[in-house]
Amino acid sequence: MKKTKYITFSALMSALSVVFLLLGSIIDVLDLTAVLITAVFLLIARHEMGSWALAIYFVTGLIAFLVLPNKLVSIEYAIIAIYP
């Protein structure tokens, strides 16, 4: 992949992850489900980008911590999403 494709793909995956974490933050029942869906996004990014997917993990965690009203979801993301 070219560098532009890496940046675009990582921005897309990070934005989708933050949207799903926001959904999980608003609806309390879906908090762990949203974290697992974002972990799947990280798996897809790992397959496409290799070790550069770690940047998506850090960016998503930082944006989630700053933006989400419920900080528990961002903490769960920081703990759980790195395992896959």
N, C-alpha and C. Protein backbone atom coordinates (compact mmCIF):
# COMPACT_ATOMS: atom_id res chain seq x y z
N MET A 1 0.83 -1.19 0.00
CA MET A 1 0.00 0.00 0.00
C MET A 1 0.87 1.25 0.00
N LYS A 2 0.36 2.28 -0.61
CA LYS A 2 1.07 3.55 -0.58
C LYS A 2 0.78 4.27 0.73
N LYS A 3 1.57 5.27 1.01
CA LYS A 3 1.44 5.99 2.27
C LYS A 3 0.09 6.69 2.39
N THR A 4 -0.44 7.20 1.29
CA THR A 4 -1.74 7.87 1.32
C THR A 4 -2.85 6.88 1.67
N LYS A 5 -2.74 5.68 1.13
CA LYS A 5 -3.74 4.66 1.44
C LYS A 5 -3.68 4.24 2.91
N TYR A 6 -2.46 4.16 3.47
CA TYR A 6 -2.31 3.85 4.89
C TYR A 6 -2.99 4.91 5.76
N ILE A 7 -2.75 6.16 5.44
CA ILE A 7 -3.32 7.25 6.24
C ILE A 7 -4.84 7.26 6.12
N THR A 8 -5.35 7.09 4.91
CA THR A 8 -6.80 7.08 4.71
C THR A 8 -7.45 5.89 5.41
N PHE A 9 -6.85 4.73 5.27
CA PHE A 9 -7.40 3.53 5.90
C PHE A 9 -7.37 3.64 7.41
N SER A 10 -6.28 4.15 7.96
CA SER A 10 -6.20 4.28 9.42
C SER A 10 -7.17 5.32 9.95
N ALA A 11 -7.38 6.41 9.20
CA ALA A 11 -8.36 7.42 9.62
C ALA A 11 -9.78 6.84 9.59
N LEU A 12 -10.08 6.05 8.57
CA LEU A 12 -11.39 5.42 8.46
C LEU A 12 -11.63 4.44 9.61
N MET A 13 -10.66 3.61 9.89
CA MET A 13 -10.80 2.63 10.98
C MET A 13 -10.89 3.31 12.34
N SER A 14 -10.14 4.35 12.53
CA SER A 14 -10.19 5.09 13.79
C SER A 14 -11.54 5.78 13.96
N ALA A 15 -12.05 6.38 12.90
CA ALA A 15 -13.35 7.05 12.98
C ALA A 15 -14.47 6.05 13.23
N LEU A 16 -14.44 4.92 12.55
CA LEU A 16 -15.47 3.90 12.79
C LEU A 16 -15.40 3.37 14.22
N SER A 17 -14.20 3.19 14.71
CA SER A 17 -14.04 2.71 16.09
C SER A 17 -14.60 3.71 17.10
N VAL A 18 -14.32 4.98 16.90
CA VAL A 18 -14.83 5.99 17.82
C VAL A 18 -16.35 6.07 17.76
N VAL A 19 -16.93 5.92 16.57
CA VAL A 19 -18.39 5.94 16.45
C VAL A 19 -19.01 4.77 17.19
N PHE A 20 -18.44 3.59 17.05
CA PHE A 20 -18.98 2.43 17.77
C PHE A 20 -18.77 2.56 19.27
N LEU A 21 -17.65 3.13 19.69
CA LEU A 21 -17.44 3.35 21.12
C LEU A 21 -18.41 4.41 21.66
N LEU A 22 -18.74 5.40 20.85
CA LEU A 22 -19.73 6.39 21.25
C LEU A 22 -21.09 5.74 21.41
N LEU A 23 -21.44 4.86 20.50
CA LEU A 23 -22.71 4.13 20.61
C LEU A 23 -22.73 3.29 21.88
N GLY A 24 -21.61 2.63 22.17
CA GLY A 24 -21.53 1.85 23.40
C GLY A 24 -21.51 2.70 24.65
N SER A 25 -21.05 3.93 24.54
CA SER A 25 -21.04 4.83 25.68
C SER A 25 -22.43 5.39 25.96
N ILE A 26 -23.19 5.61 24.91
CA ILE A 26 -24.54 6.15 25.10
C ILE A 26 -25.49 5.07 25.61
N ILE A 27 -25.42 3.89 25.03
CA ILE A 27 -26.26 2.77 25.47
C ILE A 27 -25.38 1.88 26.35
N ASP A 28 -25.64 1.89 27.64
CA ASP A 28 -24.75 1.21 28.59
C ASP A 28 -24.71 -0.30 28.43
N VAL A 29 -25.75 -0.87 27.87
CA VAL A 29 -25.79 -2.33 27.70
C VAL A 29 -24.78 -2.77 26.63
N LEU A 30 -24.48 -1.90 25.69
CA LEU A 30 -23.62 -2.26 24.57
C LEU A 30 -22.15 -1.90 24.76
N ASP A 31 -21.72 -1.63 25.98
CA ASP A 31 -20.36 -1.14 26.16
C ASP A 31 -19.31 -2.19 25.77
N LEU A 32 -19.43 -3.41 26.24
CA LEU A 32 -18.46 -4.44 25.89
C LEU A 32 -18.61 -4.90 24.44
N THR A 33 -19.83 -4.88 23.93
CA THR A 33 -20.04 -5.25 22.54
C THR A 33 -19.36 -4.25 21.62
N ALA A 34 -19.45 -2.99 21.94
CA ALA A 34 -18.79 -1.96 21.13
C ALA A 34 -17.27 -2.12 21.18
N VAL A 35 -16.74 -2.47 22.32
CA VAL A 35 -15.30 -2.68 22.44
C VAL A 35 -14.86 -3.88 21.59
N LEU A 36 -15.66 -4.93 21.58
CA LEU A 36 -15.31 -6.10 20.77
C LEU A 36 -15.42 -5.81 19.28
N ILE A 37 -16.38 -5.00 18.88
CA ILE A 37 -16.49 -4.62 17.47
C ILE A 37 -15.27 -3.80 17.05
N THR A 38 -14.84 -2.90 17.91
CA THR A 38 -13.65 -2.12 17.58
C THR A 38 -12.39 -2.98 17.58
N ALA A 39 -12.38 -4.04 18.37
CA ALA A 39 -11.26 -4.98 18.32
C ALA A 39 -11.22 -5.70 16.97
N VAL A 40 -12.39 -5.97 16.40
CA VAL A 40 -12.43 -6.57 15.06
C VAL A 40 -11.87 -5.58 14.03
N PHE A 41 -12.18 -4.30 14.19
CA PHE A 41 -11.61 -3.29 13.29
C PHE A 41 -10.08 -3.29 13.40
N LEU A 42 -9.56 -3.47 14.61
CA LEU A 42 -8.12 -3.54 14.78
C LEU A 42 -7.53 -4.78 14.12
N LEU A 43 -8.27 -5.89 14.15
CA LEU A 43 -7.80 -7.10 13.47
C LEU A 43 -7.73 -6.88 11.96
N ILE A 44 -8.73 -6.22 11.42
CA ILE A 44 -8.73 -5.92 9.99
C ILE A 44 -7.55 -5.00 9.64
N ALA A 45 -7.33 -4.02 10.47
CA ALA A 45 -6.22 -3.09 10.23
C ALA A 45 -4.88 -3.81 10.37
N ARG A 46 -4.77 -4.72 11.30
CA ARG A 46 -3.54 -5.48 11.47
C ARG A 46 -3.25 -6.34 10.25
N HIS A 47 -4.31 -6.89 9.67
CA HIS A 47 -4.15 -7.71 8.46
C HIS A 47 -3.70 -6.86 7.28
N GLU A 48 -4.25 -5.66 7.16
CA GLU A 48 -3.93 -4.80 6.02
C GLU A 48 -2.62 -4.05 6.20
N MET A 49 -2.33 -3.59 7.41
CA MET A 49 -1.22 -2.67 7.62
C MET A 49 -0.04 -3.25 8.38
N GLY A 50 -0.21 -4.37 9.01
CA GLY A 50 0.88 -4.93 9.80
C GLY A 50 0.99 -4.24 11.15
N SER A 51 2.20 -3.95 11.57
CA SER A 51 2.40 -3.39 12.90
C SER A 51 1.99 -1.92 13.00
N TRP A 52 1.70 -1.26 11.87
CA TRP A 52 1.24 0.12 11.90
C TRP A 52 -0.17 0.23 12.47
N ALA A 53 -0.85 -0.88 12.66
CA ALA A 53 -2.19 -0.85 13.25
C ALA A 53 -2.16 -0.41 14.71
N LEU A 54 -1.02 -0.48 15.32
CA LEU A 54 -0.88 -0.02 16.71
C LEU A 54 -1.14 1.48 16.81
N ALA A 55 -0.85 2.22 15.77
CA ALA A 55 -1.13 3.65 15.75
C ALA A 55 -2.64 3.90 15.81
N ILE A 56 -3.41 3.07 15.14
CA ILE A 56 -4.88 3.19 15.18
C ILE A 56 -5.37 2.95 16.60
N TYR A 57 -4.77 1.98 17.27
CA TYR A 57 -5.15 1.68 18.66
C TYR A 57 -4.92 2.90 19.56
N PHE A 58 -3.77 3.54 19.44
CA PHE A 58 -3.47 4.68 20.29
C PHE A 58 -4.32 5.90 19.96
N VAL A 59 -4.52 6.16 18.67
CA VAL A 59 -5.33 7.31 18.26
C VAL A 59 -6.77 7.14 18.69
N THR A 60 -7.32 5.95 18.49
CA THR A 60 -8.70 5.69 18.89
C THR A 60 -8.86 5.79 20.40
N GLY A 61 -7.91 5.27 21.14
CA GLY A 61 -7.99 5.37 22.59
C GLY A 61 -7.93 6.80 23.09
N LEU A 62 -7.07 7.60 22.48
CA LEU A 62 -6.95 9.00 22.88
C LEU A 62 -8.21 9.78 22.54
N ILE A 63 -8.72 9.63 21.31
CA ILE A 63 -9.93 10.34 20.92
C ILE A 63 -11.12 9.88 21.76
N ALA A 64 -11.21 8.59 22.02
CA ALA A 64 -12.32 8.08 22.83
C ALA A 64 -12.27 8.64 24.24
N PHE A 65 -11.09 8.74 24.80
CA PHE A 65 -10.98 9.27 26.15
C PHE A 65 -11.34 10.75 26.21
N LEU A 66 -11.04 11.49 25.16
CA LEU A 66 -11.34 12.91 25.15
C LEU A 66 -12.79 13.22 24.80
N VAL A 67 -13.43 12.41 23.98
CA VAL A 67 -14.73 12.74 23.43
C VAL A 67 -15.90 12.06 24.15
N LEU A 68 -15.73 10.83 24.57
CA LEU A 68 -16.86 10.06 25.08
C LEU A 68 -17.36 10.58 26.42
N PRO A 69 -18.69 10.59 26.60
CA PRO A 69 -19.22 11.04 27.88
C PRO A 69 -18.99 10.03 29.01
N ASN A 70 -18.96 8.75 28.67
CA ASN A 70 -18.74 7.70 29.65
C ASN A 70 -17.30 7.20 29.48
N LYS A 71 -16.43 7.54 30.40
CA LYS A 71 -15.01 7.20 30.27
C LYS A 71 -14.73 5.72 30.50
N LEU A 72 -15.68 5.00 31.05
CA LEU A 72 -15.49 3.57 31.30
C LEU A 72 -15.28 2.81 29.99
N VAL A 73 -15.99 3.21 28.95
CA VAL A 73 -15.87 2.53 27.66
C VAL A 73 -14.46 2.72 27.09
N SER A 74 -13.90 3.90 27.23
CA SER A 74 -12.55 4.11 26.71
C SER A 74 -11.51 3.35 27.53
N ILE A 75 -11.75 3.21 28.81
CA ILE A 75 -10.84 2.41 29.64
C ILE A 75 -10.95 0.93 29.28
N GLU A 76 -12.17 0.45 29.05
CA GLU A 76 -12.36 -0.93 28.61
C GLU A 76 -11.68 -1.16 27.26
N TYR A 77 -11.78 -0.18 26.39
CA TYR A 77 -11.11 -0.30 25.09
C TYR A 77 -9.59 -0.41 25.27
N ALA A 78 -9.04 0.41 26.15
CA ALA A 78 -7.60 0.39 26.37
C ALA A 78 -7.13 -0.95 26.94
N ILE A 79 -7.98 -1.59 27.72
CA ILE A 79 -7.59 -2.88 28.33
C ILE A 79 -7.86 -4.06 27.42
N ILE A 80 -9.03 -4.09 26.80
CA ILE A 80 -9.48 -5.29 26.10
C ILE A 80 -9.08 -5.32 24.64
N ALA A 81 -9.09 -4.21 23.94
CA ALA A 81 -8.98 -4.23 22.48
C ALA A 81 -7.61 -4.64 21.97
N ILE A 82 -6.60 -4.58 22.78
CA ILE A 82 -5.26 -4.93 22.31
C ILE A 82 -5.05 -6.44 22.24
N TYR A 83 -5.89 -7.24 22.89
CA TYR A 83 -5.68 -8.68 22.93
C TYR A 83 -5.74 -9.39 21.59
N PRO A 84 -6.67 -9.08 20.70
CA PRO A 84 -6.67 -9.80 19.41
C PRO A 84 -5.42 -9.50 18.62
